[in-house]
Structure formats: C-alpha cells, structure tokens
C-alpha cells in the first residue's frame, strides 16, 4: 500500500513582467515516511524550481489511490463510496475513500475512475469530483529510485541466488 504525503512548498517566482512574487504550491509525494517525503520533494523540485525554496508543511494525505494517465496534467479529487457489511454486528456501513486521477476534464475523470475501479466486487458510487490544487504528483518509481547503499543487498538479488 502506498503512503501519500502533501508537501506545501514556498518559493519566489518571477512573472513575465519581471515582478517577483512569493507563492505557495502543494505537491503530492508517494513515500514511506515524513522524512522520505521531505527528501524526495527536495530532490524532485531542485530540478524544477530555480533558486531557493522551502518545504513549508508535510501532512499525511487522505488519498487511497492515485491513477496517473500520461496524457493529462490536471488532477481531480474523487470521492468514492460503497457499502460494506460489518462482520461483527452484521450491519451495513458506508465506506468513503478519496482517490486522485489525472484527466482533461471532470467527465474524463469520471470515466477514468469507472475504468480504474471496474474490478471492484461491490457496487460503488462517485458522488463528487473536483479539480485538485496539486501542481504535480510524484509517484515512487523503483527504476529511477535505486539509491541502494553499498553495504546493503536488494531483496530481488537474494531471491535469485536461492
């Protein structure tokens, strides 16, 4: 299961007219801990932001899952609800999950959520979809993030030795 963290970043940006303005932007990062989220956001933004920036806040995100499509840069927050039965009391309870999907518009976000969740066994509803304020979402990529110290051995290589 992935852990998502919202990282709020503050920096000074220059507009087309040369005016400098302080701005605050939210980013979403896939990380194991707050420390890793901070390290990853600094690493990712060093390549994007010219000059100094400051990570103003890091908080745990409510997102259960993120569905990224390469053709869209706008992120939509989707509220997904379904009914489950409590095994102890045998009563129905409503479960609400929040997910993020990239799309060009709300209609496409809805269609992509339907497509992404079509394997769910229980019937679900998508009662709301709103455009998020995230500038970028940084998903963990094991191919890119291979910073393994020399004194450690990857589990994948141990499995191949047996």
N, C-alpha and C. Protein backbone atom coordinates (compact mmCIF):
# COMPACT_ATOMS: atom_id res chain seq x y z
N UNK A 1 0.83 -1.19 0.00
CA UNK A 1 0.00 0.00 0.00
C UNK A 1 0.87 1.24 0.00
N UNK A 2 0.50 2.19 -0.81
CA UNK A 2 1.27 3.41 -0.92
C UNK A 2 0.84 4.41 0.15
N UNK A 3 1.79 5.22 0.58
CA UNK A 3 1.52 6.32 1.50
C UNK A 3 1.71 7.61 0.74
N UNK A 4 0.71 8.48 0.81
CA UNK A 4 0.76 9.75 0.09
C UNK A 4 0.88 10.89 1.08
N UNK A 5 1.78 11.83 0.77
CA UNK A 5 2.01 12.98 1.62
C UNK A 5 1.84 14.25 0.81
N UNK A 6 1.16 15.23 1.40
CA UNK A 6 1.01 16.53 0.79
C UNK A 6 2.16 17.40 1.28
N UNK A 7 2.96 17.90 0.37
CA UNK A 7 4.08 18.77 0.70
C UNK A 7 3.78 20.17 0.17
N UNK A 8 3.73 21.14 1.07
CA UNK A 8 3.48 22.51 0.69
C UNK A 8 4.81 23.23 0.59
N UNK A 9 5.07 23.83 -0.56
CA UNK A 9 6.36 24.44 -0.85
C UNK A 9 6.19 25.93 -1.09
N UNK A 10 7.08 26.71 -0.50
CA UNK A 10 7.07 28.17 -0.65
C UNK A 10 8.35 28.60 -1.37
N UNK A 11 8.17 29.46 -2.38
CA UNK A 11 9.32 30.00 -3.08
C UNK A 11 8.94 31.29 -3.79
N UNK A 12 9.94 31.98 -4.31
CA UNK A 12 9.71 33.23 -5.03
C UNK A 12 9.77 32.94 -6.52
N UNK A 13 8.73 33.40 -7.22
CA UNK A 13 8.61 33.15 -8.66
C UNK A 13 8.56 34.48 -9.38
N UNK A 14 9.23 34.53 -10.53
CA UNK A 14 9.22 35.74 -11.33
C UNK A 14 8.21 35.59 -12.46
N UNK A 15 7.34 36.59 -12.62
CA UNK A 15 6.34 36.51 -13.69
C UNK A 15 6.91 37.05 -15.00
N UNK A 16 6.08 37.11 -16.02
CA UNK A 16 6.51 37.55 -17.35
C UNK A 16 7.02 38.99 -17.38
N UNK A 17 6.52 39.82 -16.47
CA UNK A 17 6.89 41.23 -16.42
C UNK A 17 8.13 41.48 -15.57
N UNK A 18 8.67 40.44 -14.96
CA UNK A 18 9.85 40.59 -14.11
C UNK A 18 9.54 40.85 -12.65
N UNK A 19 8.28 40.84 -12.30
CA UNK A 19 7.90 41.03 -10.89
C UNK A 19 8.11 39.74 -10.12
N UNK A 20 8.66 39.86 -8.92
CA UNK A 20 8.89 38.68 -8.08
C UNK A 20 7.75 38.58 -7.07
N UNK A 21 7.23 37.37 -6.95
CA UNK A 21 6.08 37.14 -6.08
C UNK A 21 6.30 35.86 -5.29
N UNK A 22 6.00 35.92 -3.99
CA UNK A 22 6.11 34.71 -3.15
C UNK A 22 4.85 33.88 -3.37
N UNK A 23 5.05 32.60 -3.65
CA UNK A 23 3.91 31.71 -3.85
C UNK A 23 4.06 30.44 -3.01
N UNK A 24 2.93 29.80 -2.75
CA UNK A 24 2.89 28.55 -2.02
C UNK A 24 2.15 27.55 -2.90
N UNK A 25 2.77 26.39 -3.14
CA UNK A 25 2.16 25.38 -4.01
C UNK A 25 2.16 24.02 -3.32
N UNK A 26 1.08 23.25 -3.48
CA UNK A 26 1.03 21.90 -2.92
C UNK A 26 1.47 20.84 -3.94
N UNK A 27 2.21 19.87 -3.47
CA UNK A 27 2.65 18.74 -4.27
C UNK A 27 2.28 17.47 -3.51
N UNK A 28 2.04 16.38 -4.24
CA UNK A 28 1.73 15.10 -3.62
C UNK A 28 2.89 14.15 -3.88
N UNK A 29 3.35 13.49 -2.82
CA UNK A 29 4.53 12.62 -2.91
C UNK A 29 4.20 11.24 -2.35
N UNK A 30 4.61 10.22 -3.07
CA UNK A 30 4.50 8.84 -2.61
C UNK A 30 5.77 8.52 -1.83
N UNK A 31 5.64 8.24 -0.53
CA UNK A 31 6.81 7.98 0.31
C UNK A 31 6.43 7.06 1.47
N UNK A 32 7.44 6.51 2.12
CA UNK A 32 7.23 5.60 3.24
C UNK A 32 7.02 6.38 4.54
N UNK A 33 7.68 7.52 4.67
CA UNK A 33 7.62 8.28 5.92
C UNK A 33 7.68 9.78 5.62
N UNK A 34 7.47 10.58 6.65
CA UNK A 34 7.58 12.02 6.51
C UNK A 34 9.00 12.41 6.08
N UNK A 35 9.99 11.75 6.64
CA UNK A 35 11.39 12.05 6.30
C UNK A 35 11.67 11.77 4.83
N UNK A 36 11.19 10.64 4.35
CA UNK A 36 11.41 10.31 2.94
C UNK A 36 10.64 11.28 2.04
N UNK A 37 9.44 11.67 2.45
CA UNK A 37 8.66 12.63 1.66
C UNK A 37 9.42 13.95 1.53
N UNK A 38 10.01 14.40 2.63
CA UNK A 38 10.78 15.65 2.59
C UNK A 38 12.00 15.50 1.69
N UNK A 39 12.71 14.40 1.82
CA UNK A 39 13.90 14.18 0.98
C UNK A 39 13.52 14.10 -0.50
N UNK A 40 12.44 13.40 -0.80
CA UNK A 40 12.01 13.26 -2.19
C UNK A 40 11.54 14.57 -2.80
N UNK A 41 10.80 15.38 -2.02
CA UNK A 41 10.30 16.63 -2.58
C UNK A 41 11.46 17.58 -2.86
N UNK A 42 12.46 17.61 -1.99
CA UNK A 42 13.64 18.44 -2.25
C UNK A 42 14.36 17.95 -3.50
N UNK A 43 14.52 16.65 -3.64
CA UNK A 43 15.21 16.08 -4.80
C UNK A 43 14.45 16.38 -6.10
N UNK A 44 13.13 16.21 -6.08
CA UNK A 44 12.32 16.44 -7.28
C UNK A 44 12.29 17.91 -7.68
N UNK A 45 12.14 18.80 -6.70
CA UNK A 45 11.96 20.21 -7.01
C UNK A 45 13.25 20.95 -7.33
N UNK A 46 14.40 20.39 -6.94
CA UNK A 46 15.68 21.01 -7.30
C UNK A 46 15.83 21.11 -8.81
N UNK A 47 15.24 20.17 -9.53
CA UNK A 47 15.32 20.16 -10.99
C UNK A 47 14.29 21.08 -11.63
N UNK A 48 13.25 21.46 -10.89
CA UNK A 48 12.14 22.23 -11.46
C UNK A 48 12.19 23.71 -11.09
N UNK A 49 12.47 23.99 -9.82
CA UNK A 49 12.42 25.36 -9.32
C UNK A 49 13.81 25.98 -9.35
N UNK A 50 13.90 27.18 -9.99
CA UNK A 50 15.15 27.93 -9.98
C UNK A 50 15.23 28.72 -8.69
N UNK A 51 16.35 28.62 -8.01
CA UNK A 51 16.52 29.37 -6.77
C UNK A 51 16.12 28.56 -5.55
N UNK A 52 16.02 29.28 -4.44
CA UNK A 52 15.72 28.64 -3.17
C UNK A 52 14.23 28.38 -3.02
N UNK A 53 13.92 27.31 -2.31
CA UNK A 53 12.54 27.02 -1.93
C UNK A 53 12.56 26.39 -0.56
N UNK A 54 11.40 26.40 0.06
CA UNK A 54 11.28 25.94 1.44
C UNK A 54 10.06 25.04 1.55
N UNK A 55 10.24 23.87 2.14
CA UNK A 55 9.10 22.99 2.38
C UNK A 55 8.41 23.50 3.64
N UNK A 56 7.26 24.10 3.43
CA UNK A 56 6.51 24.78 4.48
C UNK A 56 5.78 23.80 5.40
N UNK A 57 5.25 22.70 4.81
CA UNK A 57 4.45 21.76 5.59
C UNK A 57 4.42 20.41 4.89
N UNK A 58 4.36 19.35 5.67
CA UNK A 58 4.16 18.00 5.14
C UNK A 58 3.08 17.35 6.00
N UNK A 59 2.07 16.82 5.33
CA UNK A 59 0.98 16.16 6.05
C UNK A 59 0.57 14.90 5.32
N UNK A 60 0.02 13.98 6.07
CA UNK A 60 -0.48 12.73 5.51
C UNK A 60 -1.70 13.04 4.65
N UNK A 61 -1.78 12.43 3.52
CA UNK A 61 -2.88 12.68 2.59
C UNK A 61 -4.00 11.67 2.78
N UNK A 62 -5.23 12.05 2.48
CA UNK A 62 -6.35 11.12 2.63
C UNK A 62 -6.53 10.19 1.43
N UNK A 63 -5.67 10.28 0.42
CA UNK A 63 -5.87 9.53 -0.82
C UNK A 63 -5.52 8.05 -0.65
N UNK A 64 -6.46 7.24 -1.06
CA UNK A 64 -6.31 5.79 -1.01
C UNK A 64 -5.50 5.30 -2.21
N UNK A 65 -5.74 5.93 -3.35
CA UNK A 65 -5.05 5.51 -4.57
C UNK A 65 -4.95 6.68 -5.53
N UNK A 66 -3.97 6.59 -6.44
CA UNK A 66 -3.75 7.62 -7.45
C UNK A 66 -3.65 6.93 -8.80
N UNK A 67 -4.41 7.44 -9.76
CA UNK A 67 -4.41 6.88 -11.11
C UNK A 67 -3.85 7.93 -12.06
N UNK A 68 -2.65 7.64 -12.58
CA UNK A 68 -1.97 8.60 -13.45
C UNK A 68 -2.09 8.19 -14.91
N UNK A 69 -2.50 9.13 -15.73
CA UNK A 69 -2.54 8.95 -17.18
C UNK A 69 -1.58 9.96 -17.77
N UNK A 70 -0.69 9.50 -18.64
CA UNK A 70 0.37 10.36 -19.17
C UNK A 70 -0.13 11.52 -20.02
N UNK A 71 -1.33 11.42 -20.57
CA UNK A 71 -1.81 12.45 -21.48
C UNK A 71 -2.44 13.67 -20.79
N UNK A 72 -2.55 13.66 -19.46
CA UNK A 72 -3.21 14.77 -18.76
C UNK A 72 -2.39 15.23 -17.56
N UNK A 73 -2.39 16.55 -17.32
CA UNK A 73 -1.64 17.14 -16.21
C UNK A 73 -2.52 17.67 -15.09
N UNK A 74 -3.83 17.67 -15.29
CA UNK A 74 -4.74 18.18 -14.27
C UNK A 74 -5.19 17.00 -13.40
N UNK A 75 -5.16 17.22 -12.09
CA UNK A 75 -5.52 16.16 -11.14
C UNK A 75 -6.88 16.44 -10.53
N UNK A 76 -7.71 15.40 -10.45
CA UNK A 76 -9.05 15.50 -9.91
C UNK A 76 -9.19 14.62 -8.67
N UNK A 77 -9.75 15.23 -7.63
CA UNK A 77 -10.00 14.51 -6.38
C UNK A 77 -11.38 13.87 -6.50
N UNK A 78 -11.44 12.56 -6.35
CA UNK A 78 -12.69 11.82 -6.50
C UNK A 78 -13.08 11.18 -5.17
N UNK A 79 -14.33 11.39 -4.81
CA UNK A 79 -14.89 10.76 -3.61
C UNK A 79 -15.62 9.51 -4.08
N UNK A 80 -15.21 8.36 -3.57
CA UNK A 80 -15.81 7.08 -3.96
C UNK A 80 -16.45 6.47 -2.71
N UNK A 81 -17.71 6.06 -2.85
CA UNK A 81 -18.40 5.45 -1.72
C UNK A 81 -18.95 4.08 -2.11
N UNK A 82 -18.98 3.20 -1.12
CA UNK A 82 -19.59 1.88 -1.30
C UNK A 82 -20.07 1.39 0.06
N UNK A 83 -20.88 0.36 0.03
CA UNK A 83 -21.44 -0.19 1.26
C UNK A 83 -20.75 -1.51 1.58
N UNK A 84 -20.41 -1.68 2.85
CA UNK A 84 -19.76 -2.90 3.32
C UNK A 84 -20.54 -3.41 4.52
N UNK A 85 -20.40 -4.68 4.81
CA UNK A 85 -21.09 -5.26 5.98
C UNK A 85 -20.06 -5.47 7.09
N UNK A 86 -20.38 -4.93 8.26
CA UNK A 86 -19.53 -5.11 9.43
C UNK A 86 -19.69 -6.56 9.89
N UNK A 87 -18.60 -7.31 9.92
CA UNK A 87 -18.66 -8.74 10.23
C UNK A 87 -19.09 -9.03 11.67
N UNK A 88 -18.82 -8.11 12.57
CA UNK A 88 -19.19 -8.31 13.97
C UNK A 88 -20.68 -8.04 14.21
N UNK A 89 -21.15 -6.90 13.76
CA UNK A 89 -22.53 -6.52 14.03
C UNK A 89 -23.50 -6.91 12.91
N UNK A 90 -22.97 -7.32 11.77
CA UNK A 90 -23.77 -7.69 10.60
C UNK A 90 -24.60 -6.52 10.07
N UNK A 91 -24.17 -5.30 10.34
CA UNK A 91 -24.86 -4.12 9.85
C UNK A 91 -24.09 -3.55 8.66
N UNK A 92 -24.85 -2.93 7.77
CA UNK A 92 -24.22 -2.26 6.64
C UNK A 92 -23.61 -0.95 7.09
N UNK A 93 -22.46 -0.63 6.53
CA UNK A 93 -21.84 0.66 6.81
C UNK A 93 -21.32 1.24 5.51
N UNK A 94 -21.42 2.54 5.42
CA UNK A 94 -20.99 3.25 4.23
C UNK A 94 -19.50 3.58 4.35
N UNK A 95 -18.73 3.19 3.35
CA UNK A 95 -17.29 3.44 3.31
C UNK A 95 -17.02 4.55 2.29
N UNK A 96 -16.21 5.52 2.68
CA UNK A 96 -15.83 6.61 1.78
C UNK A 96 -14.32 6.60 1.59
N UNK A 97 -13.89 6.62 0.36
CA UNK A 97 -12.46 6.66 0.01
C UNK A 97 -12.23 7.84 -0.93
N UNK A 98 -11.06 8.42 -0.84
CA UNK A 98 -10.69 9.51 -1.75
C UNK A 98 -9.57 9.02 -2.66
N UNK A 99 -9.72 9.33 -3.94
CA UNK A 99 -8.73 8.92 -4.94
C UNK A 99 -8.44 10.10 -5.85
N UNK A 100 -7.31 10.02 -6.51
CA UNK A 100 -6.88 11.10 -7.40
C UNK A 100 -6.69 10.50 -8.79
N UNK A 101 -7.11 11.23 -9.81
CA UNK A 101 -6.96 10.76 -11.18
C UNK A 101 -6.58 11.95 -12.06
N UNK A 102 -5.70 11.71 -13.02
CA UNK A 102 -5.35 12.76 -13.97
C UNK A 102 -6.27 12.66 -15.18
N UNK A 103 -6.75 13.81 -15.63
CA UNK A 103 -7.67 13.85 -16.76
C UNK A 103 -7.71 15.27 -17.32
N UNK A 104 -8.39 15.42 -18.46
CA UNK A 104 -8.52 16.73 -19.10
C UNK A 104 -9.71 17.52 -18.55
N UNK A 105 -10.75 16.81 -18.10
CA UNK A 105 -11.93 17.48 -17.57
C UNK A 105 -12.65 16.53 -16.61
N UNK A 106 -13.72 17.01 -15.99
CA UNK A 106 -14.44 16.23 -14.99
C UNK A 106 -15.06 14.98 -15.61
N UNK A 107 -15.61 15.11 -16.80
CA UNK A 107 -16.24 13.96 -17.46
C UNK A 107 -15.21 12.84 -17.69
N UNK A 108 -14.05 13.22 -18.18
CA UNK A 108 -13.00 12.22 -18.41
C UNK A 108 -12.49 11.63 -17.09
N UNK A 109 -12.42 12.45 -16.04
CA UNK A 109 -12.01 11.95 -14.72
C UNK A 109 -13.00 10.89 -14.24
N UNK A 110 -14.29 11.15 -14.43
CA UNK A 110 -15.33 10.19 -14.05
C UNK A 110 -15.16 8.88 -14.83
N UNK A 111 -14.98 9.00 -16.13
CA UNK A 111 -14.82 7.81 -16.97
C UNK A 111 -13.57 7.02 -16.59
N UNK A 112 -12.50 7.72 -16.28
CA UNK A 112 -11.26 7.03 -15.90
C UNK A 112 -11.38 6.36 -14.54
N UNK A 113 -12.11 6.98 -13.62
CA UNK A 113 -12.34 6.34 -12.32
C UNK A 113 -13.19 5.08 -12.51
N UNK A 114 -14.23 5.17 -13.32
CA UNK A 114 -15.06 3.99 -13.60
C UNK A 114 -14.21 2.86 -14.17
N UNK A 115 -13.35 3.20 -15.11
CA UNK A 115 -12.46 2.21 -15.73
C UNK A 115 -11.47 1.63 -14.72
N UNK A 116 -10.90 2.48 -13.89
CA UNK A 116 -9.89 2.04 -12.91
C UNK A 116 -10.48 1.16 -11.82
N UNK A 117 -11.75 1.39 -11.49
CA UNK A 117 -12.38 0.66 -10.39
C UNK A 117 -13.29 -0.47 -10.88
N UNK A 118 -13.25 -0.80 -12.15
CA UNK A 118 -14.17 -1.81 -12.69
C UNK A 118 -13.94 -3.21 -12.13
N UNK A 119 -12.84 -3.45 -11.43
CA UNK A 119 -12.58 -4.76 -10.84
C UNK A 119 -13.14 -4.89 -9.42
N UNK A 120 -13.69 -3.80 -8.88
CA UNK A 120 -14.26 -3.87 -7.53
C UNK A 120 -15.47 -4.81 -7.55
N UNK A 121 -15.56 -5.65 -6.55
CA UNK A 121 -16.63 -6.63 -6.46
C UNK A 121 -17.93 -5.97 -6.02
N UNK A 122 -17.83 -5.02 -5.10
CA UNK A 122 -19.03 -4.35 -4.59
C UNK A 122 -19.38 -3.15 -5.48
N UNK A 123 -20.66 -2.83 -5.58
CA UNK A 123 -21.06 -1.65 -6.35
C UNK A 123 -20.58 -0.38 -5.64
N UNK A 124 -20.18 0.60 -6.42
CA UNK A 124 -19.68 1.85 -5.85
C UNK A 124 -20.31 3.03 -6.56
N UNK A 125 -20.21 4.18 -5.91
CA UNK A 125 -20.67 5.43 -6.48
C UNK A 125 -19.54 6.44 -6.44
N UNK A 126 -19.60 7.41 -7.33
CA UNK A 126 -18.64 8.52 -7.32
C UNK A 126 -19.47 9.80 -7.15
N UNK A 127 -19.76 10.18 -5.89
CA UNK A 127 -20.65 11.32 -5.66
C UNK A 127 -20.04 12.69 -5.93
N UNK A 128 -18.70 12.78 -5.94
CA UNK A 128 -18.12 14.10 -6.24
C UNK A 128 -16.75 13.97 -6.88
N UNK A 129 -16.50 14.90 -7.80
CA UNK A 129 -15.20 15.03 -8.45
C UNK A 129 -14.90 16.52 -8.52
N UNK A 130 -13.76 16.92 -7.96
CA UNK A 130 -13.36 18.33 -8.00
C UNK A 130 -11.90 18.42 -8.44
N UNK A 131 -11.59 19.49 -9.11
CA UNK A 131 -10.20 19.71 -9.55
C UNK A 131 -9.35 19.99 -8.33
N UNK A 132 -8.21 19.30 -8.23
CA UNK A 132 -7.33 19.50 -7.09
C UNK A 132 -6.39 20.67 -7.35
N UNK A 133 -5.71 21.10 -6.32
CA UNK A 133 -4.77 22.21 -6.44
C UNK A 133 -3.33 21.74 -6.60
N UNK A 134 -3.12 20.43 -6.70
CA UNK A 134 -1.75 19.91 -6.79
C UNK A 134 -1.09 20.35 -8.09
N UNK A 135 0.13 20.85 -7.95
CA UNK A 135 0.90 21.26 -9.11
C UNK A 135 1.46 20.02 -9.80
N UNK A 136 1.90 19.06 -8.99
CA UNK A 136 2.48 17.83 -9.53
C UNK A 136 2.31 16.71 -8.51
N UNK A 137 2.25 15.49 -9.01
CA UNK A 137 2.19 14.30 -8.18
C UNK A 137 3.42 13.46 -8.49
N UNK A 138 4.20 13.17 -7.46
CA UNK A 138 5.43 12.39 -7.64
C UNK A 138 5.23 10.97 -7.14
N UNK A 139 5.07 10.06 -8.08
CA UNK A 139 4.87 8.64 -7.77
C UNK A 139 6.23 7.99 -7.62
N UNK A 140 6.36 7.10 -6.67
CA UNK A 140 7.62 6.38 -6.48
C UNK A 140 7.84 5.45 -7.67
N UNK A 141 9.02 5.52 -8.26
CA UNK A 141 9.37 4.66 -9.39
C UNK A 141 10.62 3.88 -9.00
N UNK A 142 10.49 2.57 -8.85
CA UNK A 142 11.62 1.75 -8.41
C UNK A 142 12.75 1.73 -9.43
N UNK A 143 12.46 1.98 -10.69
CA UNK A 143 13.51 2.01 -11.72
C UNK A 143 14.39 3.25 -11.56
N UNK A 144 13.78 4.37 -11.18
CA UNK A 144 14.52 5.62 -11.02
C UNK A 144 15.20 5.68 -9.66
N UNK A 145 14.51 5.25 -8.62
CA UNK A 145 14.99 5.38 -7.24
C UNK A 145 15.75 4.12 -6.81
N UNK A 146 16.93 3.95 -7.31
CA UNK A 146 17.74 2.78 -6.99
C UNK A 146 18.95 3.16 -6.14
N UNK A 147 18.80 4.12 -5.26
CA UNK A 147 19.90 4.56 -4.41
C UNK A 147 20.08 3.58 -3.26
N UNK A 148 20.73 2.46 -3.54
CA UNK A 148 20.96 1.43 -2.53
C UNK A 148 22.40 1.55 -2.05
N UNK A 149 22.60 1.75 -0.76
CA UNK A 149 23.96 1.86 -0.24
C UNK A 149 24.77 0.58 -0.53
N UNK A 150 26.09 0.73 -0.63
CA UNK A 150 26.98 -0.38 -0.97
C UNK A 150 26.93 -1.52 0.05
N UNK A 151 26.62 -1.21 1.31
CA UNK A 151 26.61 -2.24 2.35
C UNK A 151 25.30 -3.03 2.40
N UNK A 152 24.32 -2.72 1.53
CA UNK A 152 23.04 -3.42 1.51
C UNK A 152 22.86 -4.18 0.20
N UNK A 153 22.11 -5.26 0.27
CA UNK A 153 21.85 -6.08 -0.91
C UNK A 153 20.34 -6.06 -1.19
N UNK A 154 19.93 -5.78 -2.43
CA UNK A 154 18.50 -5.78 -2.74
C UNK A 154 17.89 -7.17 -2.55
N UNK A 155 16.66 -7.22 -2.06
CA UNK A 155 15.98 -8.49 -1.83
C UNK A 155 15.84 -9.27 -3.13
N UNK A 156 15.62 -8.57 -4.23
CA UNK A 156 15.44 -9.24 -5.52
C UNK A 156 16.67 -10.07 -5.90
N UNK A 157 17.86 -9.60 -5.55
CA UNK A 157 19.07 -10.38 -5.88
C UNK A 157 19.25 -11.56 -4.93
N UNK A 158 18.73 -11.45 -3.69
CA UNK A 158 18.80 -12.57 -2.76
C UNK A 158 17.90 -13.70 -3.23
N UNK A 159 16.72 -13.36 -3.72
CA UNK A 159 15.77 -14.37 -4.20
C UNK A 159 16.31 -15.13 -5.39
N UNK A 160 17.08 -14.47 -6.25
CA UNK A 160 17.61 -15.14 -7.43
C UNK A 160 18.78 -16.07 -7.10
N UNK A 161 19.39 -15.89 -5.92
CA UNK A 161 20.50 -16.76 -5.53
C UNK A 161 20.03 -18.12 -5.01
N UNK A 162 18.79 -18.21 -4.57
CA UNK A 162 18.25 -19.46 -4.00
C UNK A 162 17.86 -20.44 -5.04
